[in-house]
Amino acid sequence: MFTGLVEGLGSFKSNSGDRFTFSWPGNPSPFETGESIAVNGCCLTVVDFDGDDWTANVITESLSRTNLGYLSPGDLVNFERPLQVSDRLGGHIVQGHVDTVGIVRQPAPELVIAFDPRYAKYLVDKGSIAIDGVSLTVVKAGIDSVTVSLIPHTSYMTTLGKRDIGERVNLEFDIVAKYVERIHTLGIPAEFPENTISY
């Protein structure tokens, strides 16, 4: 689990098939094989590393839902390691499971992102959304777009201040909203049926 507080900026170096290599200069702690790192909000697993560089396998599902497949060598990316039990939850609960890609309609500081309208149900004004892995407060929840405001620190410390009109960004909607929708869709029976599972 992540919080949407980006730890550092790095870059995409190259890929060979599903193996993507990134560079993280100034990485605050040594890499470990098997650890998770969110790249633009997409949770990836370190399978190899060398100095500031590390490699992960990016599967088809991740490529279909994120902007990782559109990266070119040298492109900046956001990095975040998972939350530890002793850490503060400074942003909001971010799983690293990107839902879809949005398109920048208006650049920072009033960042407007267009997306598939079917995801609008997960947004409320003053709620939370993760954009390229950055935890942000929703200023305006539209039917096919979301508006967020970036403070100078966020613009400088993440990729979002550098995004131009037409660029793709990763969107992860609030997991709490998804659970509420699931409960609403299934309904809650007045009486639960007896357990019919055979052991």
C-alpha atoms as a PDB file:
ATOM      1  CA  MET A   1       0.000   0.000   0.000  1.00  0.00           C
ATOM      2  CA  PHE A   2       1.143   3.520  -0.796  1.00  0.00           C
ATOM      3  CA  THR A   3       0.091   7.002   0.310  1.00  0.00           C
ATOM      4  CA  GLY A   4       0.568   9.028  -2.852  1.00  0.00           C
ATOM      5  CA  LEU A   5       3.479  11.035  -1.439  1.00  0.00           C
ATOM      6  CA  VAL A   6       6.166  10.784  -4.111  1.00  0.00           C
ATOM      7  CA  GLU A   7       9.645  10.041  -2.722  1.00  0.00           C
ATOM      8  CA  GLY A   8      11.623  11.040  -5.753  1.00  0.00           C
ATOM      9  CA  LEU A   9      11.835  11.658  -9.465  1.00  0.00           C
ATOM     10  CA  GLY A  10      13.667   9.266 -11.724  1.00  0.00           C
ATOM     11  CA  SER A  11      13.647   8.333 -15.366  1.00  0.00           C
ATOM     12  CA  PHE A  12      12.756   5.543 -17.737  1.00  0.00           C
ATOM     13  CA  LYS A  13      15.888   4.080 -19.343  1.00  0.00           C
ATOM     14  CA  SER A  14      14.842   1.275 -21.660  1.00  0.00           C
ATOM     15  CA  ASN A  15      12.849  -1.886 -22.080  1.00  0.00           C
ATOM     16  CA  SER A  16      13.433  -5.277 -23.609  1.00  0.00           C
ATOM     17  CA  GLY A  17      10.124  -7.038 -24.005  1.00  0.00           C
ATOM     18  CA  ASP A  18       8.352  -6.865 -20.655  1.00  0.00           C
ATOM     19  CA  ARG A  19      11.519  -5.903 -18.749  1.00  0.00           C
ATOM     20  CA  PHE A  20      11.518  -2.173 -18.035  1.00  0.00           C
ATOM     21  CA  THR A  21      14.568  -0.453 -16.555  1.00  0.00           C
ATOM     22  CA  PHE A  22      14.379   2.762 -14.561  1.00  0.00           C
ATOM     23  CA  SER A  23      16.969   5.026 -12.954  1.00  0.00           C
ATOM     24  CA  TRP A  24      16.563   6.552  -9.491  1.00  0.00           C
ATOM     25  CA  PRO A  25      19.495   8.865  -8.688  1.00  0.00           C
ATOM     26  CA  GLY A  26      19.560   9.734  -5.009  1.00  0.00           C
ATOM     27  CA  ASN A  27      17.520   6.684  -4.067  1.00  0.00           C
ATOM     28  CA  PRO A  28      17.110   7.013  -0.265  1.00  0.00           C
ATOM     29  CA  SER A  29      17.717   3.311   0.466  1.00  0.00           C
ATOM     30  CA  PRO A  30      19.319   0.335  -1.317  1.00  0.00           C
ATOM     31  CA  PHE A  31      17.192  -1.675  -3.724  1.00  0.00           C
ATOM     32  CA  GLU A  32      16.146  -5.199  -2.797  1.00  0.00           C
ATOM     33  CA  THR A  33      15.036  -7.932  -5.162  1.00  0.00           C
ATOM     34  CA  GLY A  34      11.325  -8.562  -4.654  1.00  0.00           C
ATOM     35  CA  GLU A  35      10.477  -5.182  -3.155  1.00  0.00           C
ATOM     36  CA  SER A  36       7.679  -3.034  -4.547  1.00  0.00           C
ATOM     37  CA  ILE A  37       8.085   0.434  -6.028  1.00  0.00           C
ATOM     38  CA  ALA A  38       5.277   2.511  -7.505  1.00  0.00           C
ATOM     39  CA  VAL A  39       6.186   4.066 -10.858  1.00  0.00           C
ATOM     40  CA  ASN A  40       3.738   6.801 -11.826  1.00  0.00           C
ATOM     41  CA  GLY A  41       1.401   5.118  -9.374  1.00  0.00           C
ATOM     42  CA  CYS A  42       1.746   1.605 -10.835  1.00  0.00           C
ATOM     43  CA  CYS A  43       3.079  -0.965  -8.371  1.00  0.00           C
ATOM     44  CA  LEU A  44       6.039  -2.877  -9.833  1.00  0.00           C
ATOM     45  CA  THR A  45       8.380  -5.501  -8.379  1.00  0.00           C
ATOM     46  CA  VAL A  46      12.151  -5.128  -8.479  1.00  0.00           C
ATOM     47  CA  VAL A  47      13.647  -8.159 -10.248  1.00  0.00           C
ATOM     48  CA  ASP A  48      17.153  -6.802 -10.818  1.00  0.00           C
ATOM     49  CA  PHE A  49      19.216  -3.727  -9.940  1.00  0.00           C
ATOM     50  CA  ASP A  50      22.616  -2.164 -10.524  1.00  0.00           C
ATOM     51  CA  GLY A  51      23.597   1.073  -8.818  1.00  0.00           C
ATOM     52  CA  ASP A  52      20.877   3.670  -9.443  1.00  0.00           C
ATOM     53  CA  ASP A  53      19.157   1.445 -12.013  1.00  0.00           C
ATOM     54  CA  TRP A  54      16.500  -1.166 -11.370  1.00  0.00           C
ATOM     55  CA  THR A  55      14.389  -3.457 -13.536  1.00  0.00           C
ATOM     56  CA  ALA A  56      10.824  -4.749 -13.309  1.00  0.00           C
ATOM     57  CA  ASN A  57       8.538  -6.920 -15.411  1.00  0.00           C
ATOM     58  CA  VAL A  58       5.556  -4.975 -16.747  1.00  0.00           C
ATOM     59  CA  ILE A  59       2.739  -7.313 -17.770  1.00  0.00           C
ATOM     60  CA  THR A  60       0.158  -6.756 -20.510  1.00  0.00           C
ATOM     61  CA  GLU A  61      -2.557  -5.784 -18.008  1.00  0.00           C
ATOM     62  CA  SER A  62      -0.372  -2.996 -16.630  1.00  0.00           C
ATOM     63  CA  LEU A  63       0.531  -1.759 -20.102  1.00  0.00           C
ATOM     64  CA  SER A  64      -3.147  -1.664 -21.105  1.00  0.00           C
ATOM     65  CA  ARG A  65      -4.184   0.429 -18.089  1.00  0.00           C
ATOM     66  CA  THR A  66      -1.209   2.767 -17.619  1.00  0.00           C
ATOM     67  CA  ASN A  67       1.039   5.214 -19.436  1.00  0.00           C
ATOM     68  CA  LEU A  68       4.134   3.041 -18.945  1.00  0.00           C
ATOM     69  CA  GLY A  69       3.970   1.691 -22.488  1.00  0.00           C
ATOM     70  CA  TYR A  70       4.159   5.248 -23.839  1.00  0.00           C
ATOM     71  CA  LEU A  71       7.402   6.106 -22.053  1.00  0.00           C
ATOM     72  CA  SER A  72      10.468   7.095 -24.056  1.00  0.00           C
ATOM     73  CA  PRO A  73      14.056   6.872 -22.762  1.00  0.00           C
ATOM     74  CA  GLY A  74      14.766   9.845 -20.513  1.00  0.00           C
ATOM     75  CA  ASP A  75      11.127  10.511 -19.596  1.00  0.00           C
ATOM     76  CA  LEU A  76      10.681  11.487 -15.952  1.00  0.00           C
ATOM     77  CA  VAL A  77       8.651   9.238 -13.648  1.00  0.00           C
ATOM     78  CA  ASN A  78       7.455   9.392 -10.037  1.00  0.00           C
ATOM     79  CA  PHE A  79       8.762   6.847  -7.514  1.00  0.00           C
ATOM     80  CA  GLU A  80       7.282   5.813  -4.177  1.00  0.00           C
ATOM     81  CA  ARG A  81       8.035   2.888  -1.894  1.00  0.00           C
ATOM     82  CA  PRO A  82       5.231   1.182   0.080  1.00  0.00           C
ATOM     83  CA  LEU A  83       3.941   2.504   3.384  1.00  0.00           C
ATOM     84  CA  GLN A  84       5.480   1.001   6.525  1.00  0.00           C
ATOM     85  CA  VAL A  85       3.437   0.311   9.652  1.00  0.00           C
ATOM     86  CA  SER A  86       5.260   3.062  11.545  1.00  0.00           C
ATOM     87  CA  ASP A  87       4.724   5.691   8.824  1.00  0.00           C
ATOM     88  CA  ARG A  88       2.163   8.464   8.789  1.00  0.00           C
ATOM     89  CA  LEU A  89      -0.640   8.214   6.238  1.00  0.00           C
ATOM     90  CA  GLY A  90       0.103  11.629   4.785  1.00  0.00           C
ATOM     91  CA  GLY A  91      -1.887  11.242   1.582  1.00  0.00           C
ATOM     92  CA  HIS A  92      -4.639   8.645   1.193  1.00  0.00           C
ATOM     93  CA  ILE A  93      -4.806   4.881   0.659  1.00  0.00           C
ATOM     94  CA  VAL A  94      -3.237   4.198  -2.743  1.00  0.00           C
ATOM     95  CA  GLN A  95      -2.941   0.575  -3.837  1.00  0.00           C
ATOM     96  CA  GLY A  96      -0.730   1.038  -6.859  1.00  0.00           C
ATOM     97  CA  HIS A  97      -3.459  -0.546  -8.997  1.00  0.00           C
ATOM     98  CA  VAL A  98      -4.048   1.987 -11.763  1.00  0.00           C
ATOM     99  CA  ASP A  99      -7.623   2.033 -13.071  1.00  0.00           C
ATOM    100  CA  THR A 100      -7.194   3.883 -16.337  1.00  0.00           C
ATOM    101  CA  VAL A 101      -5.301   6.542 -18.247  1.00  0.00           C
ATOM    102  CA  GLY A 102      -6.525  10.136 -18.374  1.00  0.00           C
ATOM    103  CA  ILE A 103      -5.607  12.936 -20.775  1.00  0.00           C
ATOM    104  CA  VAL A 104      -4.403  16.376 -19.681  1.00  0.00           C
ATOM    105  CA  ARG A 105      -6.889  19.040 -20.788  1.00  0.00           C
ATOM    106  CA  GLN A 106      -5.327  21.896 -18.848  1.00  0.00           C
ATOM    107  CA  PRO A 107      -1.829  21.981 -17.312  1.00  0.00           C
ATOM    108  CA  ALA A 108      -0.867  22.928 -13.749  1.00  0.00           C
ATOM    109  CA  PRO A 109      -1.451  24.667 -11.442  1.00  0.00           C
ATOM    110  CA  GLU A 110      -5.185  24.064 -12.086  1.00  0.00           C
ATOM    111  CA  LEU A 111      -4.729  20.620 -13.595  1.00  0.00           C
ATOM    112  CA  VAL A 112      -7.721  19.252 -15.511  1.00  0.00           C
ATOM    113  CA  ILE A 113      -7.728  15.589 -16.551  1.00  0.00           C
ATOM    114  CA  ALA A 114     -10.263  14.008 -18.917  1.00  0.00           C
ATOM    115  CA  PHE A 115     -11.212  10.349 -18.462  1.00  0.00           C
ATOM    116  CA  ASP A 116     -13.782   7.703 -19.370  1.00  0.00           C
ATOM    117  CA  PRO A 117     -17.140   8.851 -17.858  1.00  0.00           C
ATOM    118  CA  ARG A 118     -17.779   5.417 -16.326  1.00  0.00           C
ATOM    119  CA  TYR A 119     -15.267   6.297 -13.581  1.00  0.00           C
ATOM    120  CA  ALA A 120     -17.009   9.538 -12.571  1.00  0.00           C
ATOM    121  CA  LYS A 121     -19.018   7.697  -9.895  1.00  0.00           C
ATOM    122  CA  TYR A 122     -15.839   7.264  -7.838  1.00  0.00           C
ATOM    123  CA  LEU A 123     -15.234  11.005  -7.478  1.00  0.00           C
ATOM    124  CA  VAL A 124     -16.628  13.601  -5.078  1.00  0.00           C
ATOM    125  CA  ASP A 125     -15.584  17.184  -4.467  1.00  0.00           C
ATOM    126  CA  LYS A 126     -12.909  17.310  -1.744  1.00  0.00           C
ATOM    127  CA  GLY A 127     -12.361  13.585  -2.117  1.00  0.00           C
ATOM    128  CA  SER A 128      -9.074  11.979  -3.130  1.00  0.00           C
ATOM    129  CA  ILE A 129      -7.561  10.736  -6.371  1.00  0.00           C
ATOM    130  CA  ALA A 130      -4.091   9.503  -7.322  1.00  0.00           C
ATOM    131  CA  ILE A 131      -2.728  11.011 -10.552  1.00  0.00           C
ATOM    132  CA  ASP A 132       0.539   9.452 -11.719  1.00  0.00           C
ATOM    133  CA  GLY A 133       0.829   8.184  -8.147  1.00  0.00           C
ATOM    134  CA  VAL A 134       0.376  11.607  -6.534  1.00  0.00           C
ATOM    135  CA  SER A 135      -2.326  11.894  -3.853  1.00  0.00           C
ATOM    136  CA  LEU A 136      -4.459  14.946  -4.621  1.00  0.00           C
ATOM    137  CA  THR A 137      -7.674  16.549  -3.412  1.00  0.00           C
ATOM    138  CA  VAL A 138     -10.487  16.786  -5.935  1.00  0.00           C
ATOM    139  CA  VAL A 139     -11.416  20.428  -6.544  1.00  0.00           C
ATOM    140  CA  LYS A 140     -14.126  19.652  -9.088  1.00  0.00           C
ATOM    141  CA  ALA A 141     -15.582  16.256  -9.913  1.00  0.00           C
ATOM    142  CA  GLY A 142     -16.972  16.397 -13.441  1.00  0.00           C
ATOM    143  CA  ILE A 143     -18.815  13.756 -15.446  1.00  0.00           C
ATOM    144  CA  ASP A 144     -15.797  13.134 -17.672  1.00  0.00           C
ATOM    145  CA  SER A 145     -13.009  15.125 -16.027  1.00  0.00           C
ATOM    146  CA  VAL A 146     -11.430  15.985 -12.702  1.00  0.00           C
ATOM    147  CA  THR A 147      -9.824  19.237 -11.571  1.00  0.00           C
ATOM    148  CA  VAL A 148      -7.069  19.402  -8.960  1.00  0.00           C
ATOM    149  CA  SER A 149      -4.871  22.250  -7.743  1.00  0.00           C
ATOM    150  CA  LEU A 150      -1.114  21.797  -7.448  1.00  0.00           C
ATOM    151  CA  ILE A 151       0.939  23.727  -4.935  1.00  0.00           C
ATOM    152  CA  PRO A 152       4.417  24.773  -6.169  1.00  0.00           C
ATOM    153  CA  HIS A 153       6.093  22.022  -4.120  1.00  0.00           C
ATOM    154  CA  THR A 154       4.033  19.292  -5.816  1.00  0.00           C
ATOM    155  CA  SER A 155       4.622  20.790  -9.251  1.00  0.00           C
ATOM    156  CA  TYR A 156       8.373  20.831  -8.659  1.00  0.00           C
ATOM    157  CA  MET A 157       8.788  17.479  -6.890  1.00  0.00           C
ATOM    158  CA  THR A 158       6.634  15.390  -9.274  1.00  0.00           C
ATOM    159  CA  THR A 159       5.995  14.986 -12.975  1.00  0.00           C
ATOM    160  CA  LEU A 160       2.619  16.724 -12.784  1.00  0.00           C
ATOM    161  CA  GLY A 161       3.980  20.255 -13.008  1.00  0.00           C
ATOM    162  CA  LYS A 162       5.614  19.298 -16.291  1.00  0.00           C
ATOM    163  CA  ARG A 163       2.602  17.688 -17.975  1.00  0.00           C
ATOM    164  CA  ASP A 164       1.329  19.329 -21.176  1.00  0.00           C
ATOM    165  CA  ILE A 165      -2.063  19.239 -22.878  1.00  0.00           C
ATOM    166  CA  GLY A 166      -2.692  15.864 -24.494  1.00  0.00           C
ATOM    167  CA  GLU A 167      -0.275  13.894 -22.329  1.00  0.00           C
ATOM    168  CA  ARG A 168      -1.390  10.677 -20.627  1.00  0.00           C
ATOM    169  CA  VAL A 169      -1.506  10.306 -16.848  1.00  0.00           C
ATOM    170  CA  ASN A 170      -2.351   7.317 -14.663  1.00  0.00           C
ATOM    171  CA  LEU A 171      -5.508   7.505 -12.565  1.00  0.00           C
ATOM    172  CA  GLU A 172      -6.335   5.446  -9.486  1.00  0.00           C
ATOM    173  CA  PHE A 173      -9.697   6.149  -7.913  1.00  0.00           C
ATOM    174  CA  ASP A 174     -10.447   5.816  -4.204  1.00  0.00           C
ATOM    175  CA  ILE A 175     -10.698   2.177  -3.108  1.00  0.00           C
ATOM    176  CA  VAL A 176     -13.313   3.107  -0.488  1.00  0.00           C
ATOM    177  CA  ALA A 177     -15.630   4.370  -3.246  1.00  0.00           C
ATOM    178  CA  LYS A 178     -15.163   1.096  -5.125  1.00  0.00           C
ATOM    179  CA  TYR A 179     -16.132  -0.978  -2.081  1.00  0.00           C
ATOM    180  CA  VAL A 180     -19.200   1.187  -1.485  1.00  0.00           C
ATOM    181  CA  GLU A 181     -20.244   0.657  -5.103  1.00  0.00           C
ATOM    182  CA  ARG A 182     -19.730  -3.100  -4.776  1.00  0.00           C
ATOM    183  CA  ILE A 183     -21.886  -3.287  -1.656  1.00  0.00           C
ATOM    184  CA  HIS A 184     -24.566  -1.160  -3.309  1.00  0.00           C
ATOM    185  CA  THR A 185     -24.520  -3.311  -6.455  1.00  0.00           C
ATOM    186  CA  LEU A 186     -24.765  -6.642  -4.631  1.00  0.00           C
ATOM    187  CA  GLY A 187     -27.138  -5.392  -1.981  1.00  0.00           C
ATOM    188  CA  ILE A 188     -27.186  -6.477   1.645  1.00  0.00           C
ATOM    189  CA  PRO A 189     -29.727  -9.253   2.328  1.00  0.00           C
ATOM    190  CA  ALA A 190     -31.910  -9.049   5.434  1.00  0.00           C
ATOM    191  CA  GLU A 191     -30.786 -12.554   6.315  1.00  0.00           C
ATOM    192  CA  PHE A 192     -27.652 -14.229   5.113  1.00  0.00           C
ATOM    193  CA  PRO A 193     -28.130 -17.771   3.735  1.00  0.00           C
ATOM    194  CA  GLU A 194     -26.705 -20.702   5.623  1.00  0.00           C
ATOM    195  CA  ASN A 195     -23.226 -21.789   4.707  1.00  0.00           C
ATOM    196  CA  THR A 196     -23.558 -24.288   1.865  1.00  0.00           C
ATOM    197  CA  ILE A 197     -19.848 -24.868   1.344  1.00  0.00           C
ATOM    198  CA  SER A 198     -18.744 -28.465   1.834  1.00  0.00           C
ATOM    199  CA  TYR A 199     -15.466 -29.032   3.632  1.00  0.00           C
END
